[in-house]
PDB file of all heavy atoms in Angstrom:
ATOM      1  N   LEU A   1      57.657 -14.064 -35.117  1.00  0.00           N
ATOM      2  CA  LEU A   1      58.562 -14.682 -36.082  1.00  0.00           C
ATOM      3  C   LEU A   1      59.062 -16.034 -35.586  1.00  0.00           C
ATOM      4  O   LEU A   1      59.145 -16.993 -36.360  1.00  0.00           O
ATOM      5  CB  LEU A   1      59.736 -13.742 -36.359  1.00  0.00           C
ATOM      6  CG  LEU A   1      59.385 -12.457 -37.112  1.00  0.00           C
ATOM      7  CD1 LEU A   1      60.554 -11.486 -37.101  1.00  0.00           C
ATOM      8  CD2 LEU A   1      58.965 -12.769 -38.553  1.00  0.00           C
ATOM      9  N   PHE A   2      59.401 -16.130 -34.311  1.00  0.00           N
ATOM     10  CA  PHE A   2      59.827 -17.421 -33.771  1.00  0.00           C
ATOM     11  C   PHE A   2      58.723 -18.460 -33.946  1.00  0.00           C
ATOM     12  O   PHE A   2      58.976 -19.597 -34.349  1.00  0.00           O
ATOM     13  CB  PHE A   2      60.201 -17.283 -32.297  1.00  0.00           C
ATOM     14  CG  PHE A   2      61.666 -17.042 -32.053  1.00  0.00           C
ATOM     15  CD1 PHE A   2      62.243 -15.819 -32.341  1.00  0.00           C
ATOM     16  CD2 PHE A   2      62.477 -18.036 -31.542  1.00  0.00           C
ATOM     17  CE1 PHE A   2      63.591 -15.576 -32.125  1.00  0.00           C
ATOM     18  CE2 PHE A   2      63.831 -17.831 -31.318  1.00  0.00           C
ATOM     19  CZ  PHE A   2      64.388 -16.591 -31.616  1.00  0.00           C
ATOM     20  N   ARG A   3      57.493 -18.080 -33.647  1.00  0.00           N
ATOM     21  CA  ARG A   3      56.376 -19.021 -33.782  1.00  0.00           C
ATOM     22  C   ARG A   3      56.152 -19.395 -35.242  1.00  0.00           C
ATOM     23  O   ARG A   3      55.894 -20.559 -35.567  1.00  0.00           O
ATOM     24  CB  ARG A   3      55.106 -18.397 -33.190  1.00  0.00           C
ATOM     25  CG  ARG A   3      55.090 -18.389 -31.663  1.00  0.00           C
ATOM     26  CD  ARG A   3      53.994 -17.487 -31.130  1.00  0.00           C
ATOM     27  NE  ARG A   3      52.674 -17.900 -31.544  1.00  0.00           N
ATOM     28  CZ  ARG A   3      51.834 -18.592 -30.780  1.00  0.00           C
ATOM     29  NH1 ARG A   3      52.207 -18.967 -29.564  1.00  0.00           N
ATOM     30  NH2 ARG A   3      50.632 -18.894 -31.214  1.00  0.00           N
ATOM     31  N   ALA A   4      56.253 -18.423 -36.133  1.00  0.00           N
ATOM     32  CA  ALA A   4      56.013 -18.694 -37.547  1.00  0.00           C
ATOM     33  C   ALA A   4      57.027 -19.675 -38.115  1.00  0.00           C
ATOM     34  O   ALA A   4      56.708 -20.454 -39.023  1.00  0.00           O
ATOM     35  CB  ALA A   4      56.049 -17.395 -38.344  1.00  0.00           C
ATOM     36  N   TYR A   5      58.230 -19.660 -37.555  1.00  0.00           N
ATOM     37  CA  TYR A   5      59.279 -20.540 -38.053  1.00  0.00           C
ATOM     38  C   TYR A   5      59.499 -21.763 -37.158  1.00  0.00           C
ATOM     39  O   TYR A   5      60.584 -22.326 -37.126  1.00  0.00           O
ATOM     40  CB  TYR A   5      60.567 -19.747 -38.251  1.00  0.00           C
ATOM     41  CG  TYR A   5      60.487 -18.870 -39.479  1.00  0.00           C
ATOM     42  CD1 TYR A   5      59.945 -17.589 -39.406  1.00  0.00           C
ATOM     43  CD2 TYR A   5      60.904 -19.324 -40.726  1.00  0.00           C
ATOM     44  CE1 TYR A   5      59.837 -16.782 -40.534  1.00  0.00           C
ATOM     45  CE2 TYR A   5      60.802 -18.530 -41.861  1.00  0.00           C
ATOM     46  CZ  TYR A   5      60.274 -17.266 -41.755  1.00  0.00           C
ATOM     47  OH  TYR A   5      60.159 -16.465 -42.882  1.00  0.00           O
ATOM     48  N   GLY A   6      58.455 -22.167 -36.438  1.00  0.00           N
ATOM     49  CA  GLY A   6      58.441 -23.473 -35.795  1.00  0.00           C
ATOM     50  C   GLY A   6      58.790 -23.531 -34.326  1.00  0.00           C
ATOM     51  O   GLY A   6      58.784 -24.617 -33.736  1.00  0.00           O
ATOM     52  N   ALA A   7      59.081 -22.416 -33.697  1.00  0.00           N
ATOM     53  CA  ALA A   7      59.411 -22.414 -32.276  1.00  0.00           C
ATOM     54  C   ALA A   7      58.148 -22.181 -31.446  1.00  0.00           C
ATOM     55  O   ALA A   7      57.098 -21.790 -31.965  1.00  0.00           O
ATOM     56  CB  ALA A   7      60.448 -21.335 -31.973  1.00  0.00           C
ATOM     57  N   THR A   8      58.259 -22.417 -30.141  1.00  0.00           N
ATOM     58  CA  THR A   8      57.187 -22.076 -29.214  1.00  0.00           C
ATOM     59  C   THR A   8      57.685 -20.984 -28.276  1.00  0.00           C
ATOM     60  O   THR A   8      58.892 -20.770 -28.119  1.00  0.00           O
ATOM     61  CB  THR A   8      56.720 -23.299 -28.408  1.00  0.00           C
ATOM     62  OG1 THR A   8      57.843 -23.837 -27.674  1.00  0.00           O
ATOM     63  CG2 THR A   8      56.149 -24.367 -29.321  1.00  0.00           C
ATOM     64  N   THR A   9      56.742 -20.285 -27.639  1.00  0.00           N
ATOM     65  CA  THR A   9      57.085 -19.137 -26.807  1.00  0.00           C
ATOM     66  C   THR A   9      56.397 -19.235 -25.457  1.00  0.00           C
ATOM     67  O   THR A   9      55.389 -19.923 -25.301  1.00  0.00           O
ATOM     68  CB  THR A   9      56.658 -17.829 -27.493  1.00  0.00           C
ATOM     69  OG1 THR A   9      55.247 -17.878 -27.775  1.00  0.00           O
ATOM     70  CG2 THR A   9      57.424 -17.619 -28.803  1.00  0.00           C
ATOM     71  N   ALA A  10      56.952 -18.537 -24.487  1.00  0.00           N
ATOM     72  CA  ALA A  10      56.358 -18.441 -23.152  1.00  0.00           C
ATOM     73  C   ALA A  10      56.720 -17.074 -22.578  1.00  0.00           C
ATOM     74  O   ALA A  10      57.648 -16.405 -23.059  1.00  0.00           O
ATOM     75  CB  ALA A  10      56.867 -19.559 -22.247  1.00  0.00           C
ATOM     76  N   TYR A  11      56.006 -16.672 -21.527  1.00  0.00           N
ATOM     77  CA  TYR A  11      56.190 -15.333 -20.982  1.00  0.00           C
ATOM     78  C   TYR A  11      56.225 -15.376 -19.462  1.00  0.00           C
ATOM     79  O   TYR A  11      55.510 -16.152 -18.836  1.00  0.00           O
ATOM     80  CB  TYR A  11      55.082 -14.407 -21.487  1.00  0.00           C
ATOM     81  CG  TYR A  11      55.054 -14.398 -22.996  1.00  0.00           C
ATOM     82  CD1 TYR A  11      54.172 -15.212 -23.708  1.00  0.00           C
ATOM     83  CD2 TYR A  11      55.983 -13.653 -23.707  1.00  0.00           C
ATOM     84  CE1 TYR A  11      54.197 -15.258 -25.082  1.00  0.00           C
ATOM     85  CE2 TYR A  11      56.013 -13.694 -25.083  1.00  0.00           C
ATOM     86  CZ  TYR A  11      55.130 -14.491 -25.773  1.00  0.00           C
ATOM     87  OH  TYR A  11      55.184 -14.552 -27.134  1.00  0.00           O
ATOM     88  N   VAL A  12      57.078 -14.526 -18.886  1.00  0.00           N
ATOM     89  CA  VAL A  12      57.330 -14.504 -17.446  1.00  0.00           C
ATOM     90  C   VAL A  12      57.169 -13.068 -16.945  1.00  0.00           C
ATOM     91  O   VAL A  12      57.680 -12.133 -17.581  1.00  0.00           O
ATOM     92  CB  VAL A  12      58.761 -15.002 -17.145  1.00  0.00           C
ATOM     93  CG1 VAL A  12      59.099 -14.840 -15.667  1.00  0.00           C
ATOM     94  CG2 VAL A  12      58.924 -16.459 -17.584  1.00  0.00           C
ATOM     95  N   PRO A  13      56.469 -12.860 -15.829  1.00  0.00           N
ATOM     96  CA  PRO A  13      56.368 -11.496 -15.283  1.00  0.00           C
ATOM     97  C   PRO A  13      57.740 -10.959 -14.883  1.00  0.00           C
ATOM     98  O   PRO A  13      58.544 -11.665 -14.271  1.00  0.00           O
ATOM     99  CB  PRO A  13      55.470 -11.672 -14.053  1.00  0.00           C
ATOM    100  CG  PRO A  13      54.755 -12.963 -14.261  1.00  0.00           C
ATOM    101  CD  PRO A  13      55.699 -13.841 -15.027  1.00  0.00           C
ATOM    102  N   VAL A  14      57.999  -9.694 -15.238  1.00  0.00           N
ATOM    103  CA  VAL A  14      59.266  -9.049 -14.887  1.00  0.00           C
ATOM    104  C   VAL A  14      58.984  -7.645 -14.373  1.00  0.00           C
ATOM    105  O   VAL A  14      57.892  -7.109 -14.526  1.00  0.00           O
ATOM    106  CB  VAL A  14      60.226  -8.979 -16.098  1.00  0.00           C
ATOM    107  CG1 VAL A  14      60.600 -10.374 -16.569  1.00  0.00           C
ATOM    108  CG2 VAL A  14      59.618  -8.167 -17.240  1.00  0.00           C
ATOM    109  N   GLY A  15      59.997  -7.054 -13.776  1.00  0.00           N
ATOM    110  CA  GLY A  15      59.864  -5.699 -13.270  1.00  0.00           C
ATOM    111  C   GLY A  15      60.070  -4.663 -14.364  1.00  0.00           C
ATOM    112  O   GLY A  15      60.480  -4.967 -15.481  1.00  0.00           O
ATOM    113  N   ASP A  16      59.792  -3.431 -14.018  1.00  0.00           N
ATOM    114  CA  ASP A  16      60.002  -2.303 -14.930  1.00  0.00           C
ATOM    115  C   ASP A  16      60.329  -1.092 -14.074  1.00  0.00           C
ATOM    116  O   ASP A  16      59.714  -0.883 -13.024  1.00  0.00           O
ATOM    117  CB  ASP A  16      58.755  -2.044 -15.774  1.00  0.00           C
ATOM    118  CG  ASP A  16      58.996  -0.974 -16.833  1.00  0.00           C
ATOM    119  OD1 ASP A  16      59.933  -1.130 -17.620  1.00  0.00           O
ATOM    120  OD2 ASP A  16      58.239   0.014 -16.859  1.00  0.00           O
ATOM    121  N   ARG A  17      61.303  -0.316 -14.499  1.00  0.00           N
ATOM    122  CA  ARG A  17      61.757   0.822 -13.708  1.00  0.00           C
ATOM    123  C   ARG A  17      61.671   2.103 -14.523  1.00  0.00           C
ATOM    124  O   ARG A  17      61.727   2.075 -15.754  1.00  0.00           O
ATOM    125  CB  ARG A  17      63.210   0.595 -13.265  1.00  0.00           C
ATOM    126  CG  ARG A  17      63.401  -0.722 -12.542  1.00  0.00           C
ATOM    127  CD  ARG A  17      64.817  -0.929 -12.069  1.00  0.00           C
ATOM    128  NE  ARG A  17      65.788  -1.091 -13.133  1.00  0.00           N
ATOM    129  CZ  ARG A  17      66.968  -1.688 -12.964  1.00  0.00           C
ATOM    130  NH1 ARG A  17      67.292  -2.177 -11.786  1.00  0.00           N
ATOM    131  NH2 ARG A  17      67.825  -1.795 -13.968  1.00  0.00           N
ATOM    132  N   ALA A  18      61.545   3.192 -13.839  1.00  0.00           N
ATOM    133  CA  ALA A  18      61.535   4.490 -14.521  1.00  0.00           C
ATOM    134  C   ALA A  18      62.927   4.786 -15.061  1.00  0.00           C
ATOM    135  O   ALA A  18      63.946   4.412 -14.466  1.00  0.00           O
ATOM    136  CB  ALA A  18      61.105   5.586 -13.550  1.00  0.00           C
ATOM    137  N   ARG A  19      62.983   5.432 -16.193  1.00  0.00           N
ATOM    138  CA  ARG A  19      64.263   5.871 -16.761  1.00  0.00           C
ATOM    139  C   ARG A  19      64.881   6.907 -15.827  1.00  0.00           C
ATOM    140  O   ARG A  19      64.226   7.871 -15.434  1.00  0.00           O
ATOM    141  CB  ARG A  19      64.019   6.463 -18.140  1.00  0.00           C
ATOM    142  CG  ARG A  19      65.211   7.133 -18.762  1.00  0.00           C
ATOM    143  CD  ARG A  19      64.831   7.813 -20.056  1.00  0.00           C
ATOM    144  NE  ARG A  19      64.854   6.867 -21.162  1.00  0.00           N
ATOM    145  CZ  ARG A  19      65.938   6.595 -21.875  1.00  0.00           C
ATOM    146  NH1 ARG A  19      67.085   7.180 -21.569  1.00  0.00           N
ATOM    147  NH2 ARG A  19      65.880   5.748 -22.874  1.00  0.00           N
ATOM    148  N   ARG A  20      66.148   6.710 -15.482  1.00  0.00           N
ATOM    149  CA  ARG A  20      66.816   7.639 -14.568  1.00  0.00           C
ATOM    150  C   ARG A  20      67.375   8.864 -15.278  1.00  0.00           C
ATOM    151  O   ARG A  20      67.374   9.968 -14.733  1.00  0.00           O
ATOM    152  CB  ARG A  20      67.948   6.913 -13.836  1.00  0.00           C
ATOM    153  CG  ARG A  20      67.470   5.857 -12.860  1.00  0.00           C
ATOM    154  CD  ARG A  20      68.648   5.239 -12.118  1.00  0.00           C
ATOM    155  NE  ARG A  20      68.213   4.229 -11.170  1.00  0.00           N
ATOM    156  CZ  ARG A  20      69.035   3.541 -10.376  1.00  0.00           C
ATOM    157  NH1 ARG A  20      70.336   3.761 -10.451  1.00  0.00           N
ATOM    158  NH2 ARG A  20      68.558   2.639  -9.548  1.00  0.00           N
ATOM    159  N   HIS A  21      67.920   8.660 -16.476  1.00  0.00           N
ATOM    160  CA  HIS A  21      68.581   9.759 -17.177  1.00  0.00           C
ATOM    161  C   HIS A  21      68.161   9.769 -18.643  1.00  0.00           C
ATOM    162  O   HIS A  21      67.892   8.730 -19.232  1.00  0.00           O
ATOM    163  CB  HIS A  21      70.104   9.620 -17.093  1.00  0.00           C
ATOM    164  CG  HIS A  21      70.632   9.593 -15.701  1.00  0.00           C
ATOM    165  ND1 HIS A  21      70.781  10.713 -14.925  1.00  0.00           N
ATOM    166  CD2 HIS A  21      71.040   8.544 -14.921  1.00  0.00           C
ATOM    167  CE1 HIS A  21      71.263  10.388 -13.752  1.00  0.00           C
ATOM    168  NE2 HIS A  21      71.435   9.076 -13.721  1.00  0.00           N
ATOM    169  N   GLY A  22      68.157  10.961 -19.230  1.00  0.00           N
ATOM    170  CA  GLY A  22      67.890  11.085 -20.656  1.00  0.00           C
ATOM    171  C   GLY A  22      66.425  10.888 -21.010  1.00  0.00           C
ATOM    172  O   GLY A  22      65.554  10.786 -20.146  1.00  0.00           O
ATOM    173  N   ALA A  23      66.180  10.826 -22.314  1.00  0.00           N
ATOM    174  CA  ALA A  23      64.829  10.655 -22.830  1.00  0.00           C
ATOM    175  C   ALA A  23      64.800   9.494 -23.802  1.00  0.00           C
ATOM    176  O   ALA A  23      65.823   9.122 -24.385  1.00  0.00           O
ATOM    177  CB  ALA A  23      64.371  11.939 -23.536  1.00  0.00           C
ATOM    178  N   SER A  24      63.636   8.908 -23.978  1.00  0.00           N
ATOM    179  CA  SER A  24      63.483   7.786 -24.891  1.00  0.00           C
ATOM    180  C   SER A  24      63.841   8.196 -26.315  1.00  0.00           C
ATOM    181  O   SER A  24      63.592   9.334 -26.738  1.00  0.00           O
ATOM    182  CB  SER A  24      62.045   7.277 -24.852  1.00  0.00           C
ATOM    183  OG  SER A  24      61.837   6.282 -25.837  1.00  0.00           O
ATOM    184  N   ASN A  25      64.434   7.256 -27.056  1.00  0.00           N
ATOM    185  CA  ASN A  25      64.748   7.506 -28.460  1.00  0.00           C
ATOM    186  C   ASN A  25      63.533   7.346 -29.360  1.00  0.00           C
ATOM    187  O   ASN A  25      63.626   7.561 -30.571  1.00  0.00           O
ATOM    188  CB  ASN A  25      65.853   6.543 -28.918  1.00  0.00           C
ATOM    189  CG  ASN A  25      67.161   6.792 -28.198  1.00  0.00           C
ATOM    190  OD1 ASN A  25      67.616   7.923 -28.100  1.00  0.00           O
ATOM    191  ND2 ASN A  25      67.754   5.732 -27.664  1.00  0.00           N
ATOM    192  N   TYR A  26      62.386   6.942 -28.778  1.00  0.00           N
ATOM    193  CA  TYR A  26      61.175   6.738 -29.557  1.00  0.00           C
ATOM    194  C   TYR A  26      60.058   7.605 -29.001  1.00  0.00           C
ATOM    195  O   TYR A  26      59.919   7.775 -27.795  1.00  0.00           O
ATOM    196  CB  TYR A  26      60.723   5.272 -29.502  1.00  0.00           C
ATOM    197  CG  TYR A  26      61.709   4.293 -30.066  1.00  0.00           C
ATOM    198  CD1 TYR A  26      62.569   3.590 -29.232  1.00  0.00           C
ATOM    199  CD2 TYR A  26      61.786   4.066 -31.436  1.00  0.00           C
ATOM    200  CE1 TYR A  26      63.482   2.686 -29.749  1.00  0.00           C
ATOM    201  CE2 TYR A  26      62.694   3.155 -31.966  1.00  0.00           C
ATOM    202  CZ  TYR A  26      63.537   2.474 -31.112  1.00  0.00           C
ATOM    203  OH  TYR A  26      64.436   1.578 -31.618  1.00  0.00           O
TER     204      TYR A  26
END
């Protein structure tokens, strides 16, 4: 949507961690 409405995008590597408590809502 940002690109469609005239913006540009970029992406940066990030970390990811296991969920500590509960379950995903999806």
